[in-house]
C-alpha atoms as a PDB file:
ATOM      1  CA  MET A   1     -22.645 -53.832 101.989  1.00  0.00           C
ATOM      2  CA  ASN A   2     -25.149 -51.897  99.878  1.00  0.00           C
ATOM      3  CA  MET A   3     -28.496 -52.288 101.563  1.00  0.00           C
ATOM      4  CA  THR A   4     -30.442 -50.391  98.958  1.00  0.00           C
ATOM      5  CA  ALA A   5     -29.948 -52.834  96.124  1.00  0.00           C
ATOM      6  CA  PRO A   6     -32.481 -55.377  97.346  1.00  0.00           C
ATOM      7  CA  ILE A   7     -34.941 -52.604  98.077  1.00  0.00           C
ATOM      8  CA  LEU A   8     -34.599 -51.140  94.611  1.00  0.00           C
ATOM      9  CA  LYS A   9     -35.069 -54.481  93.067  1.00  0.00           C
ATOM     10  CA  GLU A  10     -38.221 -55.034  95.051  1.00  0.00           C
ATOM     11  CA  HIS A  11     -39.486 -51.464  94.633  1.00  0.00           C
ATOM     12  CA  PRO A  12     -38.979 -50.199  91.022  1.00  0.00           C
ATOM     13  CA  LEU A  13     -40.568 -46.861  91.924  1.00  0.00           C
ATOM     14  CA  LEU A  14     -37.901 -46.101  94.447  1.00  0.00           C
ATOM     15  CA  ARG A  15     -35.270 -47.057  91.937  1.00  0.00           C
ATOM     16  CA  ASP A  16     -36.686 -44.562  89.363  1.00  0.00           C
ATOM     17  CA  ILE A  17     -36.747 -41.817  91.996  1.00  0.00           C
ATOM     18  CA  ARG A  18     -33.129 -42.489  92.880  1.00  0.00           C
ATOM     19  CA  LEU A  19     -32.016 -42.465  89.300  1.00  0.00           C
ATOM     20  CA  SER A  20     -33.941 -39.292  88.658  1.00  0.00           C
ATOM     21  CA  VAL A  21     -32.484 -37.471  91.673  1.00  0.00           C
ATOM     22  CA  PHE A  22     -28.938 -38.670  91.333  1.00  0.00           C
ATOM     23  CA  GLY A  23     -29.001 -38.295  87.552  1.00  0.00           C
ATOM     24  CA  THR A  24     -30.015 -34.645  87.847  1.00  0.00           C
ATOM     25  CA  HIS A  25     -27.317 -33.958  90.376  1.00  0.00           C
ATOM     26  CA  ARG A  26     -24.809 -35.700  88.164  1.00  0.00           C
ATOM     27  CA  GLU A  27     -25.807 -33.540  85.151  1.00  0.00           C
ATOM     28  CA  GLU A  28     -25.490 -30.359  87.239  1.00  0.00           C
ATOM     29  CA  ARG A  29     -22.113 -31.443  88.493  1.00  0.00           C
ATOM     30  CA  HIS A  30     -20.928 -32.099  84.897  1.00  0.00           C
ATOM     31  CA  ALA A  31     -22.361 -28.863  83.184  1.00  0.00           C
ATOM     32  CA  PRO A  32     -19.920 -27.517  80.516  1.00  0.00           C
ATOM     33  CA  PRO A  33     -17.916 -24.403  81.464  1.00  0.00           C
ATOM     34  CA  VAL A  34     -18.878 -20.943  80.073  1.00  0.00           C
ATOM     35  CA  ASP A  35     -17.057 -20.129  76.803  1.00  0.00           C
ATOM     36  CA  PHE A  36     -16.018 -16.515  77.414  1.00  0.00           C
ATOM     37  CA  GLU A  37     -14.178 -16.318  74.086  1.00  0.00           C
ATOM     38  CA  ASP A  38     -17.340 -17.255  72.235  1.00  0.00           C
ATOM     39  CA  GLN A  39     -19.312 -14.663  74.170  1.00  0.00           C
ATOM     40  CA  LYS A  40     -16.625 -12.079  73.364  1.00  0.00           C
ATOM     41  CA  ARG A  41     -16.786 -12.948  69.690  1.00  0.00           C
ATOM     42  CA  ARG A  42     -20.567 -12.659  69.768  1.00  0.00           C
ATOM     43  CA  ILE A  43     -20.405  -9.236  71.438  1.00  0.00           C
ATOM     44  CA  GLU A  44     -17.760  -8.053  69.003  1.00  0.00           C
ATOM     45  CA  HIS A  45     -19.812  -9.335  66.081  1.00  0.00           C
ATOM     46  CA  GLU A  46     -22.914  -7.522  67.314  1.00  0.00           C
ATOM     47  CA  ALA A  47     -20.906  -4.333  67.816  1.00  0.00           C
ATOM     48  CA  TYR A  48     -19.433  -4.705  64.338  1.00  0.00           C
ATOM     49  CA  LYS A  49     -22.899  -5.113  62.862  1.00  0.00           C
ATOM     50  CA  ARG A  50     -24.171  -2.001  64.676  1.00  0.00           C
ATOM     51  CA  GLY A  51     -21.094  -0.002  63.615  1.00  0.00           C
ATOM     52  CA  LEU A  52     -21.403  -1.185  60.044  1.00  0.00           C
ATOM     53  CA  ALA A  53     -25.075  -0.218  59.947  1.00  0.00           C
ATOM     54  CA  ALA A  54     -24.297   3.247  61.379  1.00  0.00           C
ATOM     55  CA  ALA A  55     -21.416   3.762  58.946  1.00  0.00           C
ATOM     56  CA  THR A  56     -23.548   2.593  56.030  1.00  0.00           C
ATOM     57  CA  SER A  57     -26.344   4.986  56.997  1.00  0.00           C
ATOM     58  CA  ALA A  58     -23.897   7.883  57.347  1.00  0.00           C
ATOM     59  CA  CYS A  59     -22.298   7.008  54.010  1.00  0.00           C
ATOM     60  CA  GLU A  60     -25.684   6.838  52.293  1.00  0.00           C
ATOM     61  CA  ASP A  61     -26.604  10.261  53.707  1.00  0.00           C
ATOM     62  CA  ARG A  62     -23.308  11.700  52.504  1.00  0.00           C
ATOM     63  CA  VAL A  63     -23.761  10.154  49.068  1.00  0.00           C
ATOM     64  CA  ALA A  64     -27.288  11.575  48.891  1.00  0.00           C
ATOM     65  CA  ARG A  65     -26.005  15.073  49.790  1.00  0.00           C
ATOM     66  CA  VAL A  66     -23.170  14.841  47.260  1.00  0.00           C
ATOM     67  CA  ARG A  67     -25.610  13.648  44.582  1.00  0.00           C
ATOM     68  CA  GLU A  68     -27.951  16.541  45.338  1.00  0.00           C
ATOM     69  CA  GLU A  69     -25.055  19.030  45.200  1.00  0.00           C
ATOM     70  CA  LEU A  70     -23.867  17.583  41.889  1.00  0.00           C
ATOM     71  CA  GLU A  71     -27.370  17.677  40.440  1.00  0.00           C
ATOM     72  CA  GLN A  72     -27.802  21.306  41.555  1.00  0.00           C
ATOM     73  CA  ARG A  73     -24.412  22.208  40.106  1.00  0.00           C
ATOM     74  CA  HIS A  74     -25.359  20.445  36.889  1.00  0.00           C
ATOM     75  CA  ARG A  75     -28.642  22.373  36.711  1.00  0.00           C
ATOM     76  CA  ASP A  76     -26.793  25.648  37.314  1.00  0.00           C
ATOM     77  CA  GLU A  77     -24.223  24.823  34.631  1.00  0.00           C
ATOM     78  CA  VAL A  78     -26.966  23.853  32.171  1.00  0.00           C
ATOM     79  CA  ALA A  79     -28.863  27.071  32.927  1.00  0.00           C
ATOM     80  CA  LEU A  80     -25.685  29.119  32.407  1.00  0.00           C
ATOM     81  CA  LEU A  81     -24.928  27.257  29.189  1.00  0.00           C
ATOM     82  CA  LEU A  82     -28.451  27.849  27.897  1.00  0.00           C
ATOM     83  CA  GLU A  83     -28.209  31.534  28.778  1.00  0.00           C
ATOM     84  CA  ARG A  84     -24.901  31.847  26.927  1.00  0.00           C
ATOM     85  CA  MET A  85     -26.344  29.981  23.950  1.00  0.00           C
ATOM     86  CA  ALA A  86     -29.360  32.294  23.941  1.00  0.00           C
ATOM     87  CA  GLN A  87     -27.073  35.335  24.017  1.00  0.00           C
ATOM     88  CA  THR A  88     -24.961  33.917  21.190  1.00  0.00           C
ATOM     89  CA  VAL A  89     -28.009  33.084  19.090  1.00  0.00           C
ATOM     90  CA  SER A  90     -29.500  36.510  19.791  1.00  0.00           C
ATOM     91  CA  ALA A  91     -26.257  38.223  18.775  1.00  0.00           C
ATOM     92  CA  ARG A  92     -26.040  36.189  15.581  1.00  0.00           C
ATOM     93  CA  VAL A  93     -29.690  36.822  14.749  1.00  0.00           C
ATOM     94  CA  ASN A  94     -29.207  40.549  15.320  1.00  0.00           C
ATOM     95  CA  ASP A  95     -26.097  40.466  13.144  1.00  0.00           C
ATOM     96  CA  HIS A  96     -27.953  38.675  10.349  1.00  0.00           C
ATOM     97  CA  LEU A  97     -30.889  41.046  10.707  1.00  0.00           C
ATOM     98  CA  GLY A  98     -28.481  43.969  10.471  1.00  0.00           C
ATOM     99  CA  GLN A  99     -26.966  42.540   7.321  1.00  0.00           C
ATOM    100  CA  LEU A 100     -30.407  41.894   5.847  1.00  0.00           C
ATOM    101  CA  GLU A 101     -31.476  45.408   6.768  1.00  0.00           C
ATOM    102  CA  LYS A 102     -28.416  46.863   5.040  1.00  0.00           C
ATOM    103  CA  GLY A 103     -29.093  44.730   1.980  1.00  0.00           C
ATOM    104  CA  LEU A 104     -32.736  45.759   1.921  1.00  0.00           C
ATOM    105  CA  LEU A 105     -31.737  49.413   2.319  1.00  0.00           C
ATOM    106  CA  GLN A 106     -29.332  49.124  -0.581  1.00  0.00           C
ATOM    107  CA  LEU A 107     -31.966  47.473  -2.734  1.00  0.00           C
ATOM    108  CA  THR A 108     -34.482  50.169  -1.830  1.00  0.00           C
ATOM    109  CA  VAL A 109     -32.058  52.969  -2.697  1.00  0.00           C
ATOM    110  CA  GLU A 110     -31.157  51.290  -5.967  1.00  0.00           C
ATOM    111  CA  ALA A 111     -34.808  50.868  -6.817  1.00  0.00           C
ATOM    112  CA  VAL A 112     -35.540  54.523  -6.057  1.00  0.00           C
ATOM    113  CA  SER A 113     -32.494  55.567  -8.096  1.00  0.00           C
ATOM    114  CA  LYS A 114     -33.716  53.584 -11.065  1.00  0.00           C
ATOM    115  CA  ILE A 115     -37.213  54.972 -10.711  1.00  0.00           C
ATOM    116  CA  VAL A 116     -36.016  58.569 -10.389  1.00  0.00           C
ATOM    117  CA  GLY A 117     -33.369  58.115 -13.059  1.00  0.00           C
ATOM    118  CA  GLY A 118     -35.932  56.632 -15.358  1.00  0.00           C
ATOM    119  CA  LEU A 119     -38.312  59.544 -15.026  1.00  0.00           C
ATOM    120  CA  PRO A 120     -38.441  61.599 -18.207  1.00  0.00           C
ATOM    121  CA  VAL A 121     -36.937  65.080 -17.986  1.00  0.00           C
ATOM    122  CA  THR A 122     -39.552  67.572 -19.154  1.00  0.00           C
ATOM    123  CA  VAL A 123     -40.039  71.288 -18.831  1.00  0.00           C
ATOM    124  CA  ASP A 124     -42.590  70.639 -16.115  1.00  0.00           C
ATOM    125  CA  SER A 125     -40.189  68.439 -14.102  1.00  0.00           C
ATOM    126  CA  ILE A 126     -37.417  71.069 -14.453  1.00  0.00           C
ATOM    127  CA  GLU A 127     -39.815  73.800 -13.324  1.00  0.00           C
ATOM    128  CA  THR A 128     -40.955  71.702 -10.354  1.00  0.00           C
ATOM    129  CA  SER A 129     -37.389  71.042  -9.232  1.00  0.00           C
ATOM    130  CA  LEU A 130     -36.479  74.696  -9.632  1.00  0.00           C
ATOM    131  CA  ARG A 131     -39.516  75.929  -7.654  1.00  0.00           C
ATOM    132  CA  GLU A 132     -38.847  73.470  -4.794  1.00  0.00           C
ATOM    133  CA  THR A 133     -35.167  74.391  -4.563  1.00  0.00           C
ATOM    134  CA  LEU A 134     -35.826  78.124  -4.738  1.00  0.00           C
ATOM    135  CA  GLY A 135     -38.477  77.692  -2.059  1.00  0.00           C
ATOM    136  CA  SER A 136     -35.857  76.149   0.221  1.00  0.00           C
ATOM    137  CA  ALA A 137     -33.478  79.053  -0.425  1.00  0.00           C
ATOM    138  CA  LEU A 138     -35.813  81.993   0.166  1.00  0.00           C
ATOM    139  CA  SER A 139     -34.348  82.688   3.578  1.00  0.00           C
ATOM    140  CA  ALA A 140     -31.238  84.131   1.869  1.00  0.00           C
ATOM    141  CA  PRO A 141     -30.844  86.247  -1.283  1.00  0.00           C
ATOM    142  CA  VAL A 142     -30.361  84.045  -4.345  1.00  0.00           C
ATOM    143  CA  VAL A 143     -27.422  84.829  -6.603  1.00  0.00           C
ATOM    144  CA  ARG A 144     -27.746  82.292  -9.413  1.00  0.00           C
ATOM    145  CA  VAL A 145     -29.203  78.911 -10.422  1.00  0.00           C
ATOM    146  CA  LEU A 146     -27.079  76.192 -12.014  1.00  0.00           C
ATOM    147  CA  LEU A 147     -28.782  73.764 -14.396  1.00  0.00           C
ATOM    148  CA  ASN A 148     -27.695  70.980 -16.670  1.00  0.00           C
ATOM    149  CA  PRO A 149     -26.958  72.507 -20.080  1.00  0.00           C
ATOM    150  CA  GLU A 150     -29.671  70.446 -21.761  1.00  0.00           C
ATOM    151  CA  ASP A 151     -32.206  71.401 -19.100  1.00  0.00           C
ATOM    152  CA  LEU A 152     -31.322  75.061 -19.454  1.00  0.00           C
ATOM    153  CA  ARG A 153     -31.872  74.931 -23.218  1.00  0.00           C
ATOM    154  CA  MET A 154     -35.266  73.275 -22.714  1.00  0.00           C
ATOM    155  CA  LEU A 155     -36.263  75.903 -20.149  1.00  0.00           C
ATOM    156  CA  GLU A 156     -35.160  78.833 -22.351  1.00  0.00           C
ATOM    157  CA  SER A 157     -36.974  77.409 -25.378  1.00  0.00           C
ATOM    158  CA  ALA A 158     -40.204  76.909 -23.462  1.00  0.00           C
ATOM    159  CA  SER A 159     -42.776  79.650 -23.758  1.00  0.00           C
ATOM    160  CA  GLY A 160     -44.372  80.998 -20.628  1.00  0.00           C
ATOM    161  CA  SER A 161     -41.943  79.463 -18.130  1.00  0.00           C
ATOM    162  CA  SER A 162     -42.993  80.789 -14.750  1.00  0.00           C
ATOM    163  CA  SER A 163     -39.742  79.796 -13.048  1.00  0.00           C
ATOM    164  CA  ARG A 164     -37.620  81.511 -15.681  1.00  0.00           C
ATOM    165  CA  SER A 165     -39.776  84.619 -15.415  1.00  0.00           C
ATOM    166  CA  PHE A 166     -39.452  84.531 -11.626  1.00  0.00           C
ATOM    167  CA  CYS A 167     -35.630  84.425 -11.876  1.00  0.00           C
ATOM    168  CA  ILE A 168     -35.485  87.220 -14.455  1.00  0.00           C
ATOM    169  CA  GLU A 169     -37.719  89.492 -12.363  1.00  0.00           C
ATOM    170  CA  ARG A 170     -35.496  89.091  -9.313  1.00  0.00           C
ATOM    171  CA  GLY A 171     -32.216  89.307 -11.123  1.00  0.00           C
ATOM    172  CA  ILE A 172     -31.278  85.669 -10.578  1.00  0.00           C
ATOM    173  CA  ARG A 173     -28.896  84.335 -13.211  1.00  0.00           C
ATOM    174  CA  LEU A 174     -29.604  80.978 -14.885  1.00  0.00           C
ATOM    175  CA  GLU A 175     -26.351  79.285 -15.819  1.00  0.00           C
ATOM    176  CA  ALA A 176     -25.367  75.924 -17.346  1.00  0.00           C
ATOM    177  CA  ASP A 177     -23.210  73.476 -15.334  1.00  0.00           C
ATOM    178  CA  PRO A 178     -22.415  69.973 -16.680  1.00  0.00           C
ATOM    179  CA  SER A 179     -21.821  68.690 -13.117  1.00  0.00           C
ATOM    180  CA  VAL A 180     -25.542  69.084 -12.392  1.00  0.00           C
ATOM    181  CA  ASP A 181     -27.455  65.957 -13.319  1.00  0.00           C
ATOM    182  CA  ARG A 182     -30.516  66.258 -15.473  1.00  0.00           C
ATOM    183  CA  GLY A 183     -33.799  67.091 -13.793  1.00  0.00           C
ATOM    184  CA  GLY A 184     -32.155  68.890 -10.851  1.00  0.00           C
ATOM    185  CA  CYS A 185     -30.455  72.172 -10.029  1.00  0.00           C
ATOM    186  CA  LEU A 186     -28.100  73.997  -7.660  1.00  0.00           C
ATOM    187  CA  VAL A 187     -29.158  77.313  -6.177  1.00  0.00           C
ATOM    188  CA  GLU A 188     -26.379  79.597  -4.992  1.00  0.00           C
ATOM    189  CA  THR A 189     -27.303  82.097  -2.287  1.00  0.00           C
ATOM    190  CA  GLN A 190     -25.283  84.624  -0.349  1.00  0.00           C
ATOM    191  CA  SER A 191     -25.216  82.077   2.505  1.00  0.00           C
ATOM    192  CA  GLY A 192     -24.184  79.029   0.461  1.00  0.00           C
ATOM    193  CA  MET A 193     -25.466  76.410  -1.938  1.00  0.00           C
ATOM    194  CA  VAL A 194     -28.871  74.744  -1.867  1.00  0.00           C
ATOM    195  CA  ASP A 195     -28.639  71.318  -3.487  1.00  0.00           C
ATOM    196  CA  GLY A 196     -31.650  70.333  -5.586  1.00  0.00           C
ATOM    197  CA  ARG A 197     -29.971  67.648  -7.707  1.00  0.00           C
ATOM    198  CA  ARG A 198     -31.696  64.303  -8.109  1.00  0.00           C
ATOM    199  CA  SER A 199     -28.638  62.405  -6.930  1.00  0.00           C
ATOM    200  CA  SER A 200     -28.519  64.481  -3.739  1.00  0.00           C
ATOM    201  CA  ARG A 201     -32.182  63.838  -3.071  1.00  0.00           C
ATOM    202  CA  ILE A 202     -31.629  60.107  -3.450  1.00  0.00           C
ATOM    203  CA  GLU A 203     -28.709  60.309  -1.000  1.00  0.00           C
ATOM    204  CA  SER A 204     -30.882  62.207   1.480  1.00  0.00           C
ATOM    205  CA  PHE A 205     -33.505  59.495   1.094  1.00  0.00           C
ATOM    206  CA  ARG A 206     -30.874  56.831   1.812  1.00  0.00           C
ATOM    207  CA  LYS A 207     -29.689  58.610   4.976  1.00  0.00           C
ATOM    208  CA  ALA A 208     -33.272  59.012   6.154  1.00  0.00           C
ATOM    209  CA  LEU A 209     -33.781  55.271   5.808  1.00  0.00           C
ATOM    210  CA  GLU A 210     -30.622  54.549   7.784  1.00  0.00           C
ATOM    211  CA  VAL A 211     -31.760  56.796  10.618  1.00  0.00           C
ATOM    212  CA  ALA A 212     -35.207  55.199  10.634  1.00  0.00           C
END
């Protein structure tokens, strides 16, 4: 026979204490078992997250290094390309400048040729050419002077020609030669020929420009 029932009915406080005590013990006795599989999954998930974060960080670092290497390589390639382009442009500019220089030289020589060729041939110009050429040949004995036939006639017909008198006094022959252009002369010495032709002077001028 349960003797506590009447007491609990008469004393509600005792009944609440009993229910509280026995209810707590009953809950402790019926606590659910530990789910080790769930804990394992949680641990594995946390480990996976940490591994993923580490791998992601390492991958980002590697990508950053590769990007930096590629950018540096790109800068080097661009610098090399620019240098090659500069060399190519410089070579082409120099080539064009060389061609322009040759063209300008040719134009200059042609202009001088026209100017010299257009100069009138007078007794004074023949005398000047003869004096200059003889002056260049004084280091060796002069044998004869070759002149254009027309120039020689003008010189012989002129009165008081100092150059003609100079040649006669020293025994230098004045002879006509059609190969000598007008306004110039050829002086033959015992050592060789001294060229005083206009065409030769223009050629010397051209060579001097090329050297300069």
